[in-house]
Amino acid sequence: MFCCGVYGFITRKNMIAILISLELMLNAVDINFVVFNRFLFPGQMEGMFFTLFAIAIAAAETALAIAIIINIFRSNKDIDVREINKMKF
């Protein structure tokens, strides 16, 4: 799942698709936290709590990223990554 996210992050030019790929990578890491916590320390819940914290941070990051993407779309009328360089001028 993480490799699919990395592939999507590298190959996509649309900012929404890049954001979705980034979220896919974060979710793969969260799943690993839960699985390894369950495997290594079956009676403890630290991995689950850390995963919930990471999910909350990812939700805040997604909301901020979507707000930035909306502002870029309003100014450029396009969310292609190659066109963002034009915002400098």
PDB file of N, CA and C in Angstrom:
ATOM      1  N   MET A   1       0.828  -1.179   0.000  1.00  0.00           N
ATOM      2  CA  MET A   1       0.000   0.000   0.000  1.00  0.00           C
ATOM      3  C   MET A   1       0.881   1.255   0.000  1.00  0.00           C
ATOM      4  N   PHE A   2       1.957   1.201   0.777  1.00  0.00           N
ATOM      5  CA  PHE A   2       2.867   2.340   0.814  1.00  0.00           C
ATOM      6  C   PHE A   2       3.518   2.561  -0.549  1.00  0.00           C
ATOM      7  N   CYS A   3       3.903   1.484  -1.206  1.00  0.00           N
ATOM      8  CA  CYS A   3       4.543   1.596  -2.526  1.00  0.00           C
ATOM      9  C   CYS A   3       3.582   2.163  -3.568  1.00  0.00           C
ATOM     10  N   CYS A   4       2.314   1.811  -3.477  1.00  0.00           N
ATOM     11  CA  CYS A   4       1.322   2.393  -4.389  1.00  0.00           C
ATOM     12  C   CYS A   4       1.199   3.895  -4.156  1.00  0.00           C
ATOM     13  N   GLY A   5       1.264   4.319  -2.904  1.00  0.00           N
ATOM     14  CA  GLY A   5       1.227   5.742  -2.588  1.00  0.00           C
ATOM     15  C   GLY A   5       2.440   6.484  -3.108  1.00  0.00           C
ATOM     16  N   VAL A   6       3.613   5.883  -2.969  1.00  0.00           N
ATOM     17  CA  VAL A   6       4.837   6.508  -3.476  1.00  0.00           C
ATOM     18  C   VAL A   6       4.775   6.623  -4.998  1.00  0.00           C
ATOM     19  N   TYR A   7       4.326   5.565  -5.655  1.00  0.00           N
ATOM     20  CA  TYR A   7       4.197   5.598  -7.113  1.00  0.00           C
ATOM     21  C   TYR A   7       3.230   6.705  -7.557  1.00  0.00           C
ATOM     22  N   GLY A   8       2.089   6.807  -6.887  1.00  0.00           N
ATOM     23  CA  GLY A   8       1.134   7.850  -7.231  1.00  0.00           C
ATOM     24  C   GLY A   8       1.673   9.240  -6.959  1.00  0.00           C
ATOM     25  N   PHE A   9       2.426   9.400  -5.885  1.00  0.00           N
ATOM     26  CA  PHE A   9       3.001  10.697  -5.536  1.00  0.00           C
ATOM     27  C   PHE A   9       4.027  11.142  -6.568  1.00  0.00           C
ATOM     28  N   ILE A  10       4.796  10.201  -7.071  1.00  0.00           N
ATOM     29  CA  ILE A  10       5.849  10.541  -8.031  1.00  0.00           C
ATOM     30  C   ILE A  10       5.292  10.778  -9.431  1.00  0.00           C
ATOM     31  N   THR A  11       4.300   9.996  -9.837  1.00  0.00           N
ATOM     32  CA  THR A  11       3.858  10.053 -11.235  1.00  0.00           C
ATOM     33  C   THR A  11       2.732  11.044 -11.504  1.00  0.00           C
ATOM     34  N   ARG A  12       1.979  11.442 -10.523  1.00  0.00           N
ATOM     35  CA  ARG A  12       0.835  12.327 -10.762  1.00  0.00           C
ATOM     36  C   ARG A  12       1.260  13.776 -10.872  1.00  0.00           C
ATOM     37  N   LYS A  13       0.522  14.535 -11.656  1.00  0.00           N
ATOM     38  CA  LYS A  13       0.753  15.967 -11.795  1.00  0.00           C
ATOM     39  C   LYS A  13      -0.396  16.789 -11.207  1.00  0.00           C
ATOM     40  N   ASN A  14      -1.500  16.138 -10.912  1.00  0.00           N
ATOM     41  CA  ASN A  14      -2.658  16.803 -10.320  1.00  0.00           C
ATOM     42  C   ASN A  14      -2.459  16.868  -8.810  1.00  0.00           C
ATOM     43  N   MET A  15      -2.688  18.020  -8.211  1.00  0.00           N
ATOM     44  CA  MET A  15      -2.428  18.183  -6.782  1.00  0.00           C
ATOM     45  C   MET A  15      -3.364  17.351  -5.912  1.00  0.00           C
ATOM     46  N   ILE A  16      -4.587  17.158  -6.347  1.00  0.00           N
ATOM     47  CA  ILE A  16      -5.524  16.331  -5.585  1.00  0.00           C
ATOM     48  C   ILE A  16      -5.064  14.876  -5.589  1.00  0.00           C
ATOM     49  N   ALA A  17      -4.608  14.393  -6.732  1.00  0.00           N
ATOM     50  CA  ALA A  17      -4.103  13.018  -6.809  1.00  0.00           C
ATOM     51  C   ALA A  17      -2.843  12.844  -5.964  1.00  0.00           C
ATOM     52  N   ILE A  18      -2.000  13.860  -5.916  1.00  0.00           N
ATOM     53  CA  ILE A  18      -0.811  13.807  -5.068  1.00  0.00           C
ATOM     54  C   ILE A  18      -1.212  13.756  -3.604  1.00  0.00           C
ATOM     55  N   LEU A  19      -2.202  14.533  -3.228  1.00  0.00           N
ATOM     56  CA  LEU A  19      -2.690  14.521  -1.849  1.00  0.00           C
ATOM     57  C   LEU A  19      -3.287  13.167  -1.476  1.00  0.00           C
ATOM     58  N   ILE A  20      -4.022  12.561  -2.380  1.00  0.00           N
ATOM     59  CA  ILE A  20      -4.592  11.238  -2.126  1.00  0.00           C
ATOM     60  C   ILE A  20      -3.480  10.203  -1.971  1.00  0.00           C
ATOM     61  N   SER A  21      -2.446  10.306  -2.788  1.00  0.00           N
ATOM     62  CA  SER A  21      -1.317   9.383  -2.670  1.00  0.00           C
ATOM     63  C   SER A  21      -0.588   9.574  -1.343  1.00  0.00           C
ATOM     64  N   LEU A  22      -0.453  10.797  -0.906  1.00  0.00           N
ATOM     65  CA  LEU A  22       0.176  11.068   0.381  1.00  0.00           C
ATOM     66  C   LEU A  22      -0.644  10.477   1.522  1.00  0.00           C
ATOM     67  N   GLU A  23      -1.947  10.611   1.446  1.00  0.00           N
ATOM     68  CA  GLU A  23      -2.819  10.028   2.474  1.00  0.00           C
ATOM     69  C   GLU A  23      -2.750   8.497   2.452  1.00  0.00           C
ATOM     70  N   LEU A  24      -2.597   7.926   1.279  1.00  0.00           N
ATOM     71  CA  LEU A  24      -2.438   6.473   1.174  1.00  0.00           C
ATOM     72  C   LEU A  24      -1.165   6.015   1.877  1.00  0.00           C
ATOM     73  N   MET A  25      -0.093   6.775   1.715  1.00  0.00           N
ATOM     74  CA  MET A  25       1.152   6.436   2.409  1.00  0.00           C
ATOM     75  C   MET A  25       0.995   6.566   3.919  1.00  0.00           C
ATOM     76  N   LEU A  26       0.330   7.619   4.375  1.00  0.00           N
ATOM     77  CA  LEU A  26       0.118   7.798   5.814  1.00  0.00           C
ATOM     78  C   LEU A  26      -0.745   6.680   6.394  1.00  0.00           C
ATOM     79  N   ASN A  27      -1.751   6.255   5.668  1.00  0.00           N
ATOM     80  CA  ASN A  27      -2.596   5.164   6.146  1.00  0.00           C
ATOM     81  C   ASN A  27      -1.838   3.844   6.193  1.00  0.00           C
ATOM     82  N   ALA A  28      -0.927   3.623   5.252  1.00  0.00           N
ATOM     83  CA  ALA A  28      -0.113   2.405   5.286  1.00  0.00           C
ATOM     84  C   ALA A  28       0.776   2.392   6.527  1.00  0.00           C
ATOM     85  N   VAL A  29       1.332   3.533   6.879  1.00  0.00           N
ATOM     86  CA  VAL A  29       2.152   3.622   8.083  1.00  0.00           C
ATOM     87  C   VAL A  29       1.305   3.384   9.327  1.00  0.00           C
ATOM     88  N   ASP A  30       0.100   3.939   9.357  1.00  0.00           N
ATOM     89  CA  ASP A  30      -0.793   3.729  10.505  1.00  0.00           C
ATOM     90  C   ASP A  30      -1.159   2.256  10.669  1.00  0.00           C
ATOM     91  N   ILE A  31      -1.414   1.586   9.576  1.00  0.00           N
ATOM     92  CA  ILE A  31      -1.721   0.153   9.646  1.00  0.00           C
ATOM     93  C   ILE A  31      -0.527  -0.619  10.196  1.00  0.00           C
ATOM     94  N   ASN A  32       0.680  -0.234   9.784  1.00  0.00           N
ATOM     95  CA  ASN A  32       1.878  -0.892  10.307  1.00  0.00           C
ATOM     96  C   ASN A  32       2.030  -0.655  11.807  1.00  0.00           C
ATOM     97  N   PHE A  33       1.742   0.543  12.276  1.00  0.00           N
ATOM     98  CA  PHE A  33       1.813   0.810  13.715  1.00  0.00           C
ATOM     99  C   PHE A  33       0.880  -0.120  14.487  1.00  0.00           C
ATOM    100  N   VAL A  34      -0.329  -0.265  14.017  1.00  0.00           N
ATOM    101  CA  VAL A  34      -1.303  -1.101  14.717  1.00  0.00           C
ATOM    102  C   VAL A  34      -0.889  -2.567  14.681  1.00  0.00           C
ATOM    103  N   VAL A  35      -0.473  -3.049  13.526  1.00  0.00           N
ATOM    104  CA  VAL A  35      -0.118  -4.464  13.388  1.00  0.00           C
ATOM    105  C   VAL A  35       1.107  -4.815  14.233  1.00  0.00           C
ATOM    106  N   PHE A  36       2.137  -3.978  14.166  1.00  0.00           N
ATOM    107  CA  PHE A  36       3.327  -4.279  14.945  1.00  0.00           C
ATOM    108  C   PHE A  36       3.073  -4.152  16.441  1.00  0.00           C
ATOM    109  N   ASN A  37       2.235  -3.213  16.848  1.00  0.00           N
ATOM    110  CA  ASN A  37       1.885  -3.123  18.264  1.00  0.00           C
ATOM    111  C   ASN A  37       1.131  -4.373  18.707  1.00  0.00           C
ATOM    112  N   ARG A  38       0.233  -4.837  17.910  1.00  0.00           N
ATOM    113  CA  ARG A  38      -0.549  -6.028  18.255  1.00  0.00           C
ATOM    114  C   ARG A  38       0.325  -7.271  18.285  1.00  0.00           C
ATOM    115  N   PHE A  39       1.318  -7.318  17.390  1.00  0.00           N
ATOM    116  CA  PHE A  39       2.198  -8.476  17.299  1.00  0.00           C
ATOM    117  C   PHE A  39       3.244  -8.482  18.422  1.00  0.00           C
ATOM    118  N   LEU A  40       3.865  -7.333  18.674  1.00  0.00           N
ATOM    119  CA  LEU A  40       4.956  -7.282  19.640  1.00  0.00           C
ATOM    120  C   LEU A  40       4.481  -7.118  21.088  1.00  0.00           C
ATOM    121  N   PHE A  41       3.451  -6.306  21.294  1.00  0.00           N
ATOM    122  CA  PHE A  41       2.934  -6.035  22.637  1.00  0.00           C
ATOM    123  C   PHE A  41       1.423  -6.232  22.644  1.00  0.00           C
ATOM    124  N   PRO A  42       0.943  -7.474  22.729  1.00  0.00           N
ATOM    125  CA  PRO A  42      -0.490  -7.741  22.565  1.00  0.00           C
ATOM    126  C   PRO A  42      -1.387  -7.093  23.621  1.00  0.00           C
ATOM    127  N   GLY A  43      -0.893  -6.888  24.808  1.00  0.00           N
ATOM    128  CA  GLY A  43      -1.755  -6.343  25.860  1.00  0.00           C
ATOM    129  C   GLY A  43      -1.752  -4.843  25.960  1.00  0.00           C
ATOM    130  N   GLN A  44      -0.899  -4.162  25.223  1.00  0.00           N
ATOM    131  CA  GLN A  44      -0.767  -2.714  25.347  1.00  0.00           C
ATOM    132  C   GLN A  44      -1.427  -2.005  24.176  1.00  0.00           C
ATOM    133  N   MET A  45      -1.736  -0.732  24.394  1.00  0.00           N
ATOM    134  CA  MET A  45      -2.504   0.025  23.400  1.00  0.00           C
ATOM    135  C   MET A  45      -1.746   1.228  22.834  1.00  0.00           C
ATOM    136  N   GLU A  46      -0.435   1.317  23.053  1.00  0.00           N
ATOM    137  CA  GLU A  46       0.293   2.506  22.610  1.00  0.00           C
ATOM    138  C   GLU A  46       0.247   2.686  21.093  1.00  0.00           C
ATOM    139  N   GLY A  47       0.356   1.615  20.359  1.00  0.00           N
ATOM    140  CA  GLY A  47       0.298   1.706  18.898  1.00  0.00           C
ATOM    141  C   GLY A  47      -1.036   2.219  18.407  1.00  0.00           C
ATOM    142  N   MET A  48      -2.117   1.799  19.064  1.00  0.00           N
ATOM    143  CA  MET A  48      -3.440   2.269  18.676  1.00  0.00           C
ATOM    144  C   MET A  48      -3.611   3.758  18.972  1.00  0.00           C
ATOM    145  N   PHE A  49      -3.114   4.198  20.134  1.00  0.00           N
ATOM    146  CA  PHE A  49      -3.233   5.610  20.488  1.00  0.00           C
ATOM    147  C   PHE A  49      -2.392   6.480  19.554  1.00  0.00           C
ATOM    148  N   PHE A  50      -1.195   6.004  19.231  1.00  0.00           N
ATOM    149  CA  PHE A  50      -0.357   6.753  18.309  1.00  0.00           C
ATOM    150  C   PHE A  50      -0.999   6.822  16.935  1.00  0.00           C
ATOM    151  N   THR A  51      -1.646   5.753  16.521  1.00  0.00           N
ATOM    152  CA  THR A  51      -2.323   5.740  15.228  1.00  0.00           C
ATOM    153  C   THR A  51      -3.498   6.713  15.214  1.00  0.00           C
ATOM    154  N   LEU A  52      -4.270   6.765  16.280  1.00  0.00           N
ATOM    155  CA  LEU A  52      -5.372   7.735  16.353  1.00  0.00           C
ATOM    156  C   LEU A  52      -4.849   9.168  16.303  1.00  0.00           C
ATOM    157  N   PHE A  53      -3.748   9.414  16.989  1.00  0.00           N
ATOM    158  CA  PHE A  53      -3.128  10.732  16.940  1.00  0.00           C
ATOM    159  C   PHE A  53      -2.657  11.053  15.524  1.00  0.00           C
ATOM    160  N   ALA A  54      -2.051  10.094  14.849  1.00  0.00           N
ATOM    161  CA  ALA A  54      -1.572  10.297  13.476  1.00  0.00           C
ATOM    162  C   ALA A  54      -2.734  10.532  12.511  1.00  0.00           C
ATOM    163  N   ILE A  55      -3.848   9.852  12.721  1.00  0.00           N
ATOM    164  CA  ILE A  55      -5.028  10.059  11.876  1.00  0.00           C
ATOM    165  C   ILE A  55      -5.580  11.476  12.066  1.00  0.00           C
ATOM    166  N   ALA A  56      -5.591  11.954  13.308  1.00  0.00           N
ATOM    167  CA  ALA A  56      -6.060  13.317  13.567  1.00  0.00           C
ATOM    168  C   ALA A  56      -5.147  14.346  12.914  1.00  0.00           C
ATOM    169  N   ILE A  57      -3.844  14.135  12.999  1.00  0.00           N
ATOM    170  CA  ILE A  57      -2.898  15.042  12.351  1.00  0.00           C
ATOM    171  C   ILE A  57      -3.060  14.992  10.829  1.00  0.00           C
ATOM    172  N   ALA A  58      -3.283  13.802  10.283  1.00  0.00           N
ATOM    173  CA  ALA A  58      -3.478  13.668   8.839  1.00  0.00           C
ATOM    174  C   ALA A  58      -4.750  14.377   8.383  1.00  0.00           C
ATOM    175  N   ALA A  59      -5.793  14.336   9.197  1.00  0.00           N
ATOM    176  CA  ALA A  59      -7.027  15.035   8.838  1.00  0.00           C
ATOM    177  C   ALA A  59      -6.810  16.549   8.823  1.00  0.00           C
ATOM    178  N   ALA A  60      -6.077  17.059   9.796  1.00  0.00           N
ATOM    179  CA  ALA A  60      -5.779  18.493   9.816  1.00  0.00           C
ATOM    180  C   ALA A  60      -4.894  18.882   8.637  1.00  0.00           C
ATOM    181  N   GLU A  61      -3.936  18.036   8.323  1.00  0.00           N
ATOM    182  CA  GLU A  61      -3.052  18.300   7.185  1.00  0.00           C
ATOM    183  C   GLU A  61      -3.832  18.290   5.881  1.00  0.00           C
ATOM    184  N   THR A  62      -4.776  17.381   5.755  1.00  0.00           N
ATOM    185  CA  THR A  62      -5.588  17.313   4.546  1.00  0.00           C
ATOM    186  C   THR A  62      -6.465  18.552   4.402  1.00  0.00           C
ATOM    187  N   ALA A  63      -7.055  18.999   5.489  1.00  0.00           N
ATOM    188  CA  ALA A  63      -7.884  20.197   5.430  1.00  0.00           C
ATOM    189  C   ALA A  63      -7.058  21.414   5.014  1.00  0.00           C
ATOM    190  N   LEU A  64      -5.861  21.538   5.545  1.00  0.00           N
ATOM    191  CA  LEU A  64      -4.992  22.644   5.185  1.00  0.00           C
ATOM    192  C   LEU A  64      -4.545  22.542   3.728  1.00  0.00           C
ATOM    193  N   ALA A  65      -4.201  21.341   3.284  1.00  0.00           N
ATOM    194  CA  ALA A  65      -3.775  21.150   1.903  1.00  0.00           C
ATOM    195  C   ALA A  65      -4.905  21.454   0.921  1.00  0.00           C
ATOM    196  N   ILE A  66      -6.117  21.052   1.249  1.00  0.00           N
ATOM    197  CA  ILE A  66      -7.244  21.344   0.359  1.00  0.00           C
ATOM    198  C   ILE A  66      -7.510  22.841   0.299  1.00  0.00           C
ATOM    199  N   ALA A  67      -7.356  23.549   1.420  1.00  0.00           N
ATOM    200  CA  ALA A  67      -7.511  25.007   1.408  1.00  0.00           C
ATOM    201  C   ALA A  67      -6.459  25.661   0.524  1.00  0.00           C
ATOM    202  N   ILE A  68      -5.230  25.180   0.586  1.00  0.00           N
ATOM    203  CA  ILE A  68      -4.177  25.720  -0.277  1.00  0.00           C
ATOM    204  C   ILE A  68      -4.473  25.408  -1.734  1.00  0.00           C
ATOM    205  N   ILE A  69      -4.928  24.200  -2.028  1.00  0.00           N
ATOM    206  CA  ILE A  69      -5.256  23.825  -3.407  1.00  0.00           C
ATOM    207  C   ILE A  69      -6.395  24.684  -3.946  1.00  0.00           C
ATOM    208  N   ILE A  70      -7.390  24.977  -3.120  1.00  0.00           N
ATOM    209  CA  ILE A  70      -8.503  25.830  -3.557  1.00  0.00           C
ATOM    210  C   ILE A  70      -8.005  27.238  -3.876  1.00  0.00           C
ATOM    211  N   ASN A  71      -7.112  27.768  -3.050  1.00  0.00           N
ATOM    212  CA  ASN A  71      -6.561  29.097  -3.332  1.00  0.00           C
ATOM    213  C   ASN A  71      -5.721  29.102  -4.607  1.00  0.00           C
ATOM    214  N   ILE A  72      -4.962  28.050  -4.846  1.00  0.00           N
ATOM    215  CA  ILE A  72      -4.195  27.955  -6.084  1.00  0.00           C
ATOM    216  C   ILE A  72      -5.134  27.864  -7.279  1.00  0.00           C
ATOM    217  N   PHE A  73      -6.215  27.107  -7.147  1.00  0.00           N
ATOM    218  CA  PHE A  73      -7.173  26.987  -8.251  1.00  0.00           C
ATOM    219  C   PHE A  73      -7.841  28.329  -8.535  1.00  0.00           C
ATOM    220  N   ARG A  74      -8.142  29.093  -7.492  1.00  0.00           N
ATOM    221  CA  ARG A  74      -8.774  30.392  -7.704  1.00  0.00           C
ATOM    222  C   ARG A  74      -7.866  31.357  -8.455  1.00  0.00           C
ATOM    223  N   SER A  75      -6.573  31.274  -8.210  1.00  0.00           N
ATOM    224  CA  SER A  75      -5.674  32.212  -8.873  1.00  0.00           C
ATOM    225  C   SER A  75      -5.224  31.730 -10.254  1.00  0.00           C
ATOM    226  N   ASN A  76      -5.049  30.416 -10.431  1.00  0.00           N
ATOM    227  CA  ASN A  76      -4.523  29.890 -11.696  1.00  0.00           C
ATOM    228  C   ASN A  76      -5.564  29.233 -12.579  1.00  0.00           C
ATOM    229  N   LYS A  77      -6.702  28.873 -12.041  1.00  0.00           N
ATOM    230  CA  LYS A  77      -7.743  28.122 -12.757  1.00  0.00           C
ATOM    231  C   LYS A  77      -7.253  26.746 -13.195  1.00  0.00           C
ATOM    232  N   ASP A  78      -6.223  26.237 -12.505  1.00  0.00           N
ATOM    233  CA  ASP A  78      -5.676  24.919 -12.807  1.00  0.00           C
ATOM    234  C   ASP A  78      -4.919  24.440 -11.570  1.00  0.00           C
ATOM    235  N   ILE A  79      -4.941  23.131 -11.329  1.00  0.00           N
ATOM    236  CA  ILE A  79      -4.210  22.597 -10.178  1.00  0.00           C
ATOM    237  C   ILE A  79      -3.099  21.652 -10.625  1.00  0.00           C
ATOM    238  N   ASP A  80      -2.573  21.915 -11.797  1.00  0.00           N
ATOM    239  CA  ASP A  80      -1.443  21.137 -12.301  1.00  0.00           C
ATOM    240  C   ASP A  80      -0.174  21.608 -11.601  1.00  0.00           C
ATOM    241  N   VAL A  81       0.636  20.679 -11.162  1.00  0.00           N
ATOM    242  CA  VAL A  81       1.836  21.014 -10.400  1.00  0.00           C
ATOM    243  C   VAL A  81       2.822  21.818 -11.239  1.00  0.00           C
ATOM    244  N   ARG A  82       2.878  21.556 -12.512  1.00  0.00           N
ATOM    245  CA  ARG A  82       3.828  22.266 -13.371  1.00  0.00           C
ATOM    246  C   ARG A  82       3.471  23.729 -13.537  1.00  0.00           C
ATOM    247  N   GLU A  83       2.214  24.095 -13.328  1.00  0.00           N
ATOM    248  CA  GLU A  83       1.761  25.468 -13.531  1.00  0.00           C
ATOM    249  C   GLU A  83       1.907  26.341 -12.282  1.00  0.00           C
ATOM    250  N   ILE A  84       2.261  25.762 -11.163  1.00  0.00           N
ATOM    251  CA  ILE A  84       2.335  26.537  -9.918  1.00  0.00           C
ATOM    252  C   ILE A  84       3.500  27.492  -9.938  1.00  0.00           C
ATOM    253  N   ASN A  85       4.520  27.222 -10.712  1.00  0.00           N
ATOM    254  CA  ASN A  85       5.662  28.124 -10.825  1.00  0.00           C
ATOM    255  C   ASN A  85       5.246  29.511 -11.281  1.00  0.00           C
ATOM    256  N   LYS A  86       4.148  29.620 -12.010  1.00  0.00           N
ATOM    257  CA  LYS A  86       3.684  30.906 -12.517  1.00  0.00           C
ATOM    258  C   LYS A  86       3.171  31.814 -11.411  1.00  0.00           C
ATOM    259  N   MET A  87       2.911  31.268 -10.220  1.00  0.00           N
ATOM    260  CA  MET A  87       2.421  32.089  -9.117  1.00  0.00           C
ATOM    261  C   MET A  87       3.503  33.020  -8.588  1.00  0.00           C
ATOM    262  N   LYS A  88       4.759  32.749  -8.866  1.00  0.00           N
ATOM    263  CA  LYS A  88       5.842  33.576  -8.368  1.00  0.00           C
ATOM    264  C   LYS A  88       5.834  34.970  -8.990  1.00  0.00           C
ATOM    265  N   PHE A  89       5.294  35.112 -10.193  1.00  0.00           N
ATOM    266  CA  PHE A  89       5.388  36.369 -10.913  1.00  0.00           C
ATOM    267  C   PHE A  89       4.085  37.108 -10.914  1.00  0.00           C
TER     268      PHE A  89
END
